[in-house]
Amino acid sequence: MKNLSILGSTGSIGRNTLKIVEMFRGRFEVKALAAANNVELLARQIETFHPEIAVVFDENRALELKNVLPSGADVEILHGEDGYRAAATYDSVEMVVTAMVGAAGLMPTLAAIEAGKNIALANKETLVMAGEIVVKKAAEKGVSIFPIDSEHSAVFQCIAGHRREDMDKILLTASGGPFLNKPANEFVSIKPEEALNHPTWQMGKKISIDSATLMNKGLEVIEAKHLFGVSHDMIKVVIHPQSVIHSMVAYRDGAVVAQLGIPDMKGAIAYAISYPERLPLKQLIPDFVNIGALTFQQPDLTKFPCLALAFKACEIGGTMPAVLNASNEVAVEAFLDKRISFTNIPELIKNTIEKHSSVKNPTLSDILEADKWGRKTVEELIKGQGMDG
């Protein structure tokens, strides 16, 4: 029996993780659940999985949760940063699934590592912002980080049984999102509901917008750099609209190993929480006979400048990736709130990172300050350029 804490239990990854737990009740037990604002869903999860603690964003949400739970529910309800830390470090937990969205996942993930918990990582921002610090701390604590992102899970599987020194390239595949074939001159009129309509993956709002701009792939490049200990120039992005090949690894003798599967996150989640075993999920395999062609193309960095900006931030390093991430988070939220246009997203990110002087070999304090500065700068740019309302 493996005891889990799930941070971000009401999001897409969290819900899929709980589906796997439900399928394999004798193998996993949920000790802690943490969400932000979806009190009704969290209450249903508590009734189904009986965690010992549950965490929400603030005191008001905690009171709401207490009111919707049946009287006598045997769960301790916590809130805020202290609550998330408690869920991440809970004594009886062996593995923490970090599925929180955005920069909010960094501190709980670090707390879990400090407490010696193995990590099933879906919060890519943790490594984007503070990859060197996180990886070093995990090594010091003897903690394993198992990737949940389908691309990084694929790479993890492709390097199994091979020598790291033989690796030549990591090939991260990208579907291209909903606007792969849309003319660039029509991007300015894109509405949030269009950008949320991903052609192959079912995801949360923020990651869906990131996929539409290709920023998600850029963040994955930075994540891969730290997760697999490679230089940025060893990572290549390849557009693969069918989303059957989840990623590939090329070796120095010319061999390429690929990981394939249907576009469903449960496979990657299950592999992370059960490694090295593969659970009998009974997932469908791709219908290779009738699937037709698998196609590939170069990403258009002019049409999708967010990917180019991410590569630039990855190359500069230091606090620049934290500023990239912060500016993207604020810009995406502003777009979802219909305060800015789709094409304003890369403009704001570009203007923000150009204003930032990156701190080399940053401390955690430097990174958190850069994150704060990036958010403030984007908001000032939105207001200063008359984008807001």
Protein backbone atom coordinates (compact mmCIF):
# COMPACT_ATOMS: atom_id res chain seq x y z
CA MET A 1 0.00 0.00 0.00
CA LYS A 2 1.40 3.40 -1.02
CA ASN A 3 0.13 6.46 0.83
CA LEU A 4 -0.41 9.55 -1.34
CA SER A 5 -0.91 13.25 -0.87
CA ILE A 6 -2.49 14.94 -3.88
CA LEU A 7 -1.92 18.67 -4.25
CA GLY A 8 -4.38 20.02 -6.80
CA SER A 9 -6.88 17.19 -6.43
CA THR A 10 -9.76 18.97 -8.18
CA GLY A 11 -7.81 19.78 -11.34
CA SER A 12 -7.45 17.56 -14.41
CA ILE A 13 -4.36 15.70 -13.16
CA GLY A 14 -5.72 15.37 -9.64
CA ARG A 15 -9.03 13.94 -10.86
CA ASN A 16 -7.27 11.44 -13.12
CA THR A 17 -4.97 10.41 -10.27
CA LEU A 18 -7.99 9.68 -8.09
CA LYS A 19 -9.52 7.61 -10.90
CA ILE A 20 -6.41 5.43 -10.84
CA VAL A 21 -6.55 5.18 -7.04
CA GLU A 22 -10.18 4.08 -7.36
CA MET A 23 -9.20 1.41 -9.88
CA PHE A 24 -6.50 0.05 -7.58
CA ARG A 25 -7.92 0.47 -4.09
CA GLY A 26 -5.64 -2.20 -2.64
CA ARG A 27 -2.48 -0.44 -3.80
CA PHE A 28 -2.98 3.23 -2.91
CA GLU A 29 -4.44 5.16 -0.03
CA VAL A 30 -5.07 8.91 -0.07
CA LYS A 31 -3.96 10.56 3.16
CA ALA A 32 -4.18 14.22 2.11
CA LEU A 33 -6.07 16.22 -0.52
CA ALA A 34 -5.43 19.86 -1.38
CA ALA A 35 -7.38 22.11 -3.72
CA ALA A 36 -7.92 25.84 -4.15
CA ASN A 37 -11.54 26.87 -4.60
CA ASN A 38 -13.59 23.93 -5.87
CA VAL A 39 -15.14 23.14 -2.50
CA GLU A 40 -18.03 21.02 -3.80
CA LEU A 41 -15.80 18.65 -5.77
CA LEU A 42 -13.29 18.44 -2.93
CA ALA A 43 -16.11 17.51 -0.54
CA ARG A 44 -17.14 14.65 -2.85
CA GLN A 45 -13.53 13.49 -3.04
CA ILE A 46 -13.27 13.52 0.75
CA GLU A 47 -16.42 11.40 1.05
CA THR A 48 -15.07 8.91 -1.49
CA PHE A 49 -11.41 8.62 -0.44
CA HIS A 50 -11.50 9.53 3.28
CA PRO A 51 -8.24 11.51 3.57
CA GLU A 52 -7.03 12.47 7.03
CA ILE A 53 -6.48 16.12 6.06
CA ALA A 54 -7.93 18.39 3.38
CA VAL A 55 -6.65 21.82 2.39
CA VAL A 56 -8.24 24.81 0.63
CA PHE A 57 -7.06 28.27 -0.35
CA ASP A 58 -8.29 30.40 2.54
CA GLU A 59 -10.34 30.46 5.73
CA ASN A 60 -13.61 31.29 3.93
CA ARG A 61 -13.22 28.23 1.70
CA ALA A 62 -12.40 26.14 4.77
CA LEU A 63 -15.67 27.22 6.38
CA GLU A 64 -17.55 26.42 3.17
CA LEU A 65 -15.99 22.97 3.09
CA LYS A 66 -16.98 22.28 6.69
CA ASN A 67 -20.54 23.32 5.90
CA VAL A 68 -20.94 21.05 2.85
CA LEU A 69 -19.38 17.96 4.44
CA PRO A 70 -21.69 15.62 6.35
CA SER A 71 -21.63 16.14 10.11
CA GLY A 72 -19.05 13.96 11.79
CA ALA A 73 -16.79 13.75 8.71
CA ASP A 74 -13.46 12.50 10.05
CA VAL A 75 -11.09 14.90 8.28
CA GLU A 76 -8.96 17.80 9.48
CA ILE A 77 -9.57 20.88 7.36
CA LEU A 78 -6.68 23.31 6.87
CA HIS A 79 -6.12 26.32 4.65
CA GLY A 80 -3.48 28.59 3.14
CA GLU A 81 0.27 28.14 2.87
CA ASP A 82 0.53 26.31 6.19
CA GLY A 83 -2.17 23.91 5.06
CA TYR A 84 -0.48 23.12 1.76
CA ARG A 85 2.81 22.58 3.58
CA ALA A 86 1.07 20.21 5.99
CA ALA A 87 -0.38 18.19 3.10
CA ALA A 88 3.02 18.09 1.37
CA THR A 89 4.86 16.90 4.47
CA TYR A 90 2.25 14.66 6.12
CA ASP A 91 4.04 11.99 8.15
CA SER A 92 2.41 8.85 6.76
CA VAL A 93 2.65 9.95 3.10
CA GLU A 94 5.28 8.30 0.89
CA MET A 95 4.62 10.16 -2.35
CA VAL A 96 3.26 13.63 -3.10
CA VAL A 97 1.48 14.22 -6.40
CA THR A 98 2.14 17.88 -7.18
CA ALA A 99 -0.63 18.89 -9.56
CA MET A 100 -1.18 22.48 -8.47
CA VAL A 101 -1.31 25.03 -11.28
CA GLY A 102 1.46 27.59 -11.72
CA ALA A 103 4.05 29.06 -9.39
CA ALA A 104 1.90 28.18 -6.37
CA GLY A 105 3.26 24.64 -6.60
CA LEU A 106 6.90 25.54 -5.94
CA MET A 107 6.95 25.95 -2.16
CA PRO A 108 4.80 22.90 -1.32
CA THR A 109 6.94 20.76 -3.64
CA LEU A 110 10.13 21.97 -1.98
CA ALA A 111 8.58 21.29 1.43
CA ALA A 112 7.73 17.74 0.36
CA ILE A 113 11.29 17.16 -0.86
CA GLU A 114 12.71 18.57 2.38
CA ALA A 115 10.50 16.08 4.25
CA GLY A 116 11.91 13.21 2.17
CA LYS A 117 8.79 12.49 0.11
CA ASN A 118 9.09 11.14 -3.41
CA ILE A 119 7.46 13.43 -5.98
CA ALA A 120 5.09 12.64 -8.86
CA LEU A 121 5.55 15.95 -10.66
CA ALA A 122 2.83 17.53 -12.78
CA ASN A 123 3.63 21.10 -11.72
CA LYS A 124 6.22 21.97 -14.37
CA GLU A 125 6.57 25.51 -12.98
CA THR A 126 8.48 24.08 -10.01
CA LEU A 127 11.39 23.17 -12.28
CA VAL A 128 10.93 26.13 -14.62
CA MET A 129 11.35 28.57 -11.74
CA ALA A 130 13.87 26.79 -9.52
CA GLY A 131 15.10 23.70 -11.35
CA GLU A 132 18.67 23.75 -10.07
CA ILE A 133 17.61 24.26 -6.46
CA VAL A 134 14.89 21.58 -6.63
CA VAL A 135 17.06 18.95 -8.31
CA LYS A 136 19.95 19.58 -5.91
CA LYS A 137 17.68 19.35 -2.87
CA ALA A 138 16.12 16.12 -4.16
CA ALA A 139 19.58 14.60 -4.57
CA GLU A 140 20.57 15.67 -1.06
CA LYS A 141 17.43 14.12 0.43
CA GLY A 142 17.53 10.95 -1.68
CA VAL A 143 14.18 11.86 -3.19
CA SER A 144 13.05 10.62 -6.61
CA ILE A 145 11.11 12.92 -8.96
CA PHE A 146 8.86 11.03 -11.35
CA PRO A 147 7.43 13.12 -14.22
CA ILE A 148 3.71 13.17 -14.94
CA ASP A 149 3.75 15.44 -18.01
CA SER A 150 3.18 13.05 -20.90
CA GLU A 151 6.27 14.31 -22.75
CA HIS A 152 8.61 13.95 -19.79
CA SER A 153 7.12 10.62 -18.84
CA ALA A 154 7.82 9.53 -22.40
CA VAL A 155 11.45 10.66 -22.19
CA PHE A 156 11.79 8.96 -18.79
CA GLN A 157 10.57 5.73 -20.37
CA CYS A 158 12.78 6.15 -23.45
CA ILE A 159 15.98 6.45 -21.39
CA ALA A 160 15.20 3.41 -19.22
CA GLY A 161 17.85 0.76 -19.81
CA HIS A 162 20.12 3.15 -21.74
CA ARG A 163 23.24 5.00 -20.67
CA ARG A 164 22.71 8.71 -20.13
CA GLU A 165 26.09 9.50 -21.67
CA ASP A 166 24.88 7.97 -24.96
CA MET A 167 21.98 10.42 -25.22
CA ASP A 168 22.28 12.88 -28.09
CA LYS A 169 18.91 14.68 -28.30
CA ILE A 170 15.58 14.87 -26.54
CA LEU A 171 12.77 15.33 -29.04
CA LEU A 172 9.70 16.79 -27.33
CA THR A 173 6.59 16.39 -29.44
CA ALA A 174 3.83 19.00 -29.51
CA SER A 175 0.35 18.71 -30.99
CA GLY A 176 0.55 22.30 -32.22
CA GLY A 177 -2.63 23.21 -30.38
CA PRO A 178 -5.89 24.45 -31.88
CA PHE A 179 -4.29 27.11 -34.09
CA LEU A 180 -1.59 25.12 -35.86
CA ASN A 181 -3.15 25.77 -39.26
CA LYS A 182 -4.78 29.12 -38.53
CA PRO A 183 -3.22 32.07 -40.39
CA ALA A 184 -1.18 34.30 -38.09
CA ASN A 185 -3.04 37.42 -39.26
CA GLU A 186 -6.22 36.00 -37.68
CA PHE A 187 -4.67 35.46 -34.23
CA VAL A 188 -5.68 38.90 -32.94
CA SER A 189 -9.37 37.94 -33.08
CA ILE A 190 -8.97 34.63 -31.18
CA LYS A 191 -11.38 34.34 -28.25
CA PRO A 192 -10.69 32.43 -25.01
CA GLU A 193 -13.32 29.79 -25.77
CA GLU A 194 -11.54 29.01 -29.06
CA ALA A 195 -8.14 28.72 -27.37
CA LEU A 196 -9.59 26.38 -24.74
CA ASN A 197 -10.79 23.95 -27.42
CA HIS A 198 -7.74 21.67 -27.70
CA PRO A 199 -7.94 19.16 -30.58
CA THR A 200 -6.49 16.11 -28.77
CA TRP A 201 -6.02 16.65 -25.02
CA GLN A 202 -8.50 17.42 -22.24
CA MET A 203 -6.75 19.87 -19.91
CA GLY A 204 -7.34 22.72 -17.49
CA LYS A 205 -7.81 26.29 -18.65
CA LYS A 206 -4.31 27.62 -18.03
CA ILE A 207 -2.47 24.75 -19.68
CA SER A 208 -4.93 24.82 -22.61
CA ILE A 209 -4.06 28.45 -23.33
CA ASP A 210 -0.36 27.64 -22.95
CA SER A 211 -0.80 24.87 -25.50
CA ALA A 212 -2.50 27.28 -27.89
CA THR A 213 0.45 29.71 -27.69
CA LEU A 214 3.04 26.87 -27.54
CA MET A 215 4.30 28.35 -24.26
CA ASN A 216 3.47 25.02 -22.65
CA LYS A 217 6.08 23.38 -24.86
CA GLY A 218 8.55 26.12 -23.99
CA LEU A 219 8.03 25.51 -20.28
CA GLU A 220 8.50 21.80 -20.94
CA VAL A 221 11.86 22.52 -22.59
CA ILE A 222 13.06 24.23 -19.40
CA GLU A 223 11.61 21.44 -17.27
CA ALA A 224 13.36 18.78 -19.36
CA LYS A 225 16.69 20.57 -19.04
CA HIS A 226 16.60 20.21 -15.26
CA LEU A 227 14.78 16.91 -15.00
CA PHE A 228 17.19 15.07 -17.27
CA GLY A 229 20.34 17.10 -16.65
CA VAL A 230 20.93 18.19 -20.24
CA SER A 231 21.84 21.47 -21.93
CA HIS A 232 19.15 23.48 -23.70
CA ASP A 233 20.68 22.81 -27.11
CA MET A 234 20.12 19.06 -26.64
CA ILE A 235 16.35 19.61 -26.65
CA LYS A 236 14.34 19.93 -29.84
CA VAL A 237 10.61 20.52 -30.29
CA VAL A 238 8.78 18.67 -33.08
CA ILE A 239 5.16 19.34 -34.05
CA HIS A 240 3.21 16.07 -34.20
CA PRO A 241 -0.53 16.81 -34.53
CA GLN A 242 -1.74 13.22 -33.96
CA SER A 243 -0.31 13.13 -30.40
CA VAL A 244 0.49 9.42 -30.70
CA ILE A 245 4.24 9.73 -30.16
CA HIS A 246 4.55 11.47 -26.79
CA SER A 247 8.28 12.15 -27.16
CA MET A 248 11.53 10.58 -28.34
CA VAL A 249 15.18 10.27 -27.39
CA ALA A 250 17.93 10.11 -30.02
CA TYR A 251 21.23 8.43 -29.18
CA ARG A 252 24.71 9.11 -30.51
CA ASP A 253 24.67 6.04 -32.75
CA GLY A 254 21.62 7.38 -34.60
CA ALA A 255 19.06 5.17 -32.86
CA VAL A 256 15.82 6.90 -31.82
CA VAL A 257 13.60 5.48 -29.11
CA ALA A 258 9.97 6.70 -29.01
CA GLN A 259 7.14 6.22 -26.53
CA LEU A 260 3.69 5.91 -28.08
CA GLY A 261 0.15 5.75 -26.74
CA ILE A 262 -3.29 7.27 -26.96
CA PRO A 263 -3.57 10.89 -25.72
CA ASP A 264 -4.71 10.11 -22.17
CA MET A 265 -2.89 11.33 -19.05
CA LYS A 266 -3.77 8.28 -16.94
CA GLY A 267 -0.89 6.28 -18.43
CA ALA A 268 1.75 8.84 -17.41
CA ILE A 269 0.17 9.35 -13.98
CA ALA A 270 0.00 5.61 -13.28
CA TYR A 271 3.62 5.11 -14.32
CA ALA A 272 4.76 7.89 -11.98
CA ILE A 273 2.90 6.67 -8.91
CA SER A 274 3.59 2.96 -9.44
CA TYR A 275 7.16 3.02 -10.86
CA PRO A 276 8.84 0.70 -11.73
CA GLU A 277 5.68 -1.36 -12.11
CA ARG A 278 3.17 -0.82 -14.89
CA LEU A 279 -0.43 -1.02 -13.72
CA PRO A 280 -2.98 -2.96 -15.80
CA LEU A 281 -4.97 0.11 -16.83
CA LYS A 282 -6.56 -1.67 -19.79
CA GLN A 283 -6.02 1.47 -21.87
CA LEU A 284 -6.58 1.19 -25.59
CA ILE A 285 -3.47 1.12 -27.75
CA PRO A 286 -3.32 3.26 -30.92
CA ASP A 287 -5.05 1.63 -33.88
CA PHE A 288 -1.92 1.52 -36.01
CA VAL A 289 -3.58 -0.22 -38.97
CA ASN A 290 -6.24 2.46 -39.41
CA ILE A 291 -4.51 5.47 -37.89
CA GLY A 292 -3.24 6.79 -41.20
CA ALA A 293 -0.07 8.88 -41.38
CA LEU A 294 1.91 10.19 -38.43
CA THR A 295 3.18 13.61 -39.48
CA PHE A 296 5.86 15.95 -38.16
CA GLN A 297 6.93 19.53 -38.80
CA GLN A 298 9.10 22.28 -37.42
CA PRO A 299 7.42 24.72 -35.04
CA ASP A 300 6.86 28.16 -36.56
CA LEU A 301 8.63 30.46 -34.10
CA THR A 302 7.38 33.57 -35.87
CA LYS A 303 3.77 32.47 -35.63
CA PHE A 304 4.25 31.14 -32.07
CA PRO A 305 6.80 33.50 -30.47
CA CYS A 306 6.17 32.18 -26.96
CA LEU A 307 8.20 29.08 -27.76
CA ALA A 308 11.14 31.20 -28.94
CA LEU A 309 10.90 33.33 -25.78
CA ALA A 310 11.03 30.20 -23.63
CA PHE A 311 14.14 28.92 -25.42
CA LYS A 312 15.74 32.33 -24.87
CA ALA A 313 14.90 32.30 -21.15
CA CYS A 314 16.20 28.74 -20.88
CA GLU A 315 19.50 29.73 -22.47
CA ILE A 316 19.92 32.81 -20.24
CA GLY A 317 18.98 30.88 -17.10
CA GLY A 318 19.21 32.35 -13.62
CA THR A 319 16.02 34.16 -12.66
CA MET A 320 14.91 34.66 -16.27
CA PRO A 321 12.75 31.49 -16.46
CA ALA A 322 10.94 32.58 -13.28
CA VAL A 323 10.14 35.94 -14.87
CA LEU A 324 9.06 34.21 -18.09
CA ASN A 325 6.70 32.00 -16.12
CA ALA A 326 5.33 34.83 -13.98
CA SER A 327 4.66 37.09 -16.96
CA ASN A 328 2.98 34.24 -18.82
CA GLU A 329 0.72 33.37 -15.88
CA VAL A 330 -0.49 36.95 -15.53
CA ALA A 331 -0.94 37.40 -19.30
CA VAL A 332 -2.90 34.16 -19.65
CA GLU A 333 -5.19 35.12 -16.78
CA ALA A 334 -5.74 38.54 -18.36
CA PHE A 335 -6.61 36.89 -21.68
CA LEU A 336 -9.07 34.51 -20.01
CA ASP A 337 -10.63 37.52 -18.29
CA LYS A 338 -10.87 39.20 -21.75
CA ARG A 339 -8.68 42.10 -20.63
CA ILE A 340 -6.15 41.55 -23.44
CA SER A 341 -6.03 39.91 -26.86
CA PHE A 342 -4.42 36.56 -27.72
CA THR A 343 -1.53 38.32 -29.50
CA ASN A 344 -0.92 40.50 -26.44
CA ILE A 345 0.26 37.42 -24.51
CA PRO A 346 3.67 37.05 -26.24
CA GLU A 347 4.03 40.85 -26.50
CA LEU A 348 3.71 41.24 -22.74
CA ILE A 349 6.08 38.35 -22.02
CA LYS A 350 8.68 39.69 -24.45
CA ASN A 351 8.53 43.21 -23.02
CA THR A 352 8.79 41.89 -19.48
CA ILE A 353 11.79 39.61 -19.95
CA GLU A 354 13.59 42.35 -21.90
CA LYS A 355 13.26 44.58 -18.82
CA HIS A 356 14.69 41.94 -16.49
CA SER A 357 18.36 41.64 -15.55
CA SER A 358 18.76 37.95 -14.76
CA VAL A 359 20.45 36.98 -11.50
CA LYS A 360 22.92 34.14 -12.04
CA ASN A 361 22.99 31.24 -9.56
CA PRO A 362 19.92 32.63 -7.78
CA THR A 363 18.84 31.78 -4.26
CA LEU A 364 15.26 30.79 -3.58
CA SER A 365 14.69 34.33 -2.31
CA ASP A 366 16.01 35.73 -5.63
CA ILE A 367 13.60 33.49 -7.55
CA LEU A 368 10.58 34.45 -5.47
CA GLU A 369 11.47 38.13 -5.83
CA ALA A 370 11.84 37.72 -9.61
CA ASP A 371 8.44 36.03 -9.76
CA LYS A 372 6.88 38.92 -7.83
CA TRP A 373 8.63 41.50 -10.03
CA GLY A 374 7.49 39.78 -13.23
CA ARG A 375 3.85 39.77 -12.15
CA LYS A 376 3.92 43.41 -11.15
CA THR A 377 5.66 44.43 -14.39
CA VAL A 378 3.09 42.72 -16.61
CA GLU A 379 0.20 44.35 -14.78
CA GLU A 380 1.90 47.74 -15.20
CA LEU A 381 2.39 47.06 -18.91
CA ILE A 382 -1.27 46.11 -19.35
CA LYS A 383 -2.43 49.32 -17.72
CA GLY A 384 0.28 51.50 -19.27
CA GLN A 385 -0.47 50.32 -22.79
CA GLY A 386 -4.21 50.73 -22.37
CA MET A 387 -4.94 47.03 -22.78
CA ASP A 388 -7.00 46.77 -19.61
CA GLY A 389 -10.61 47.59 -20.37
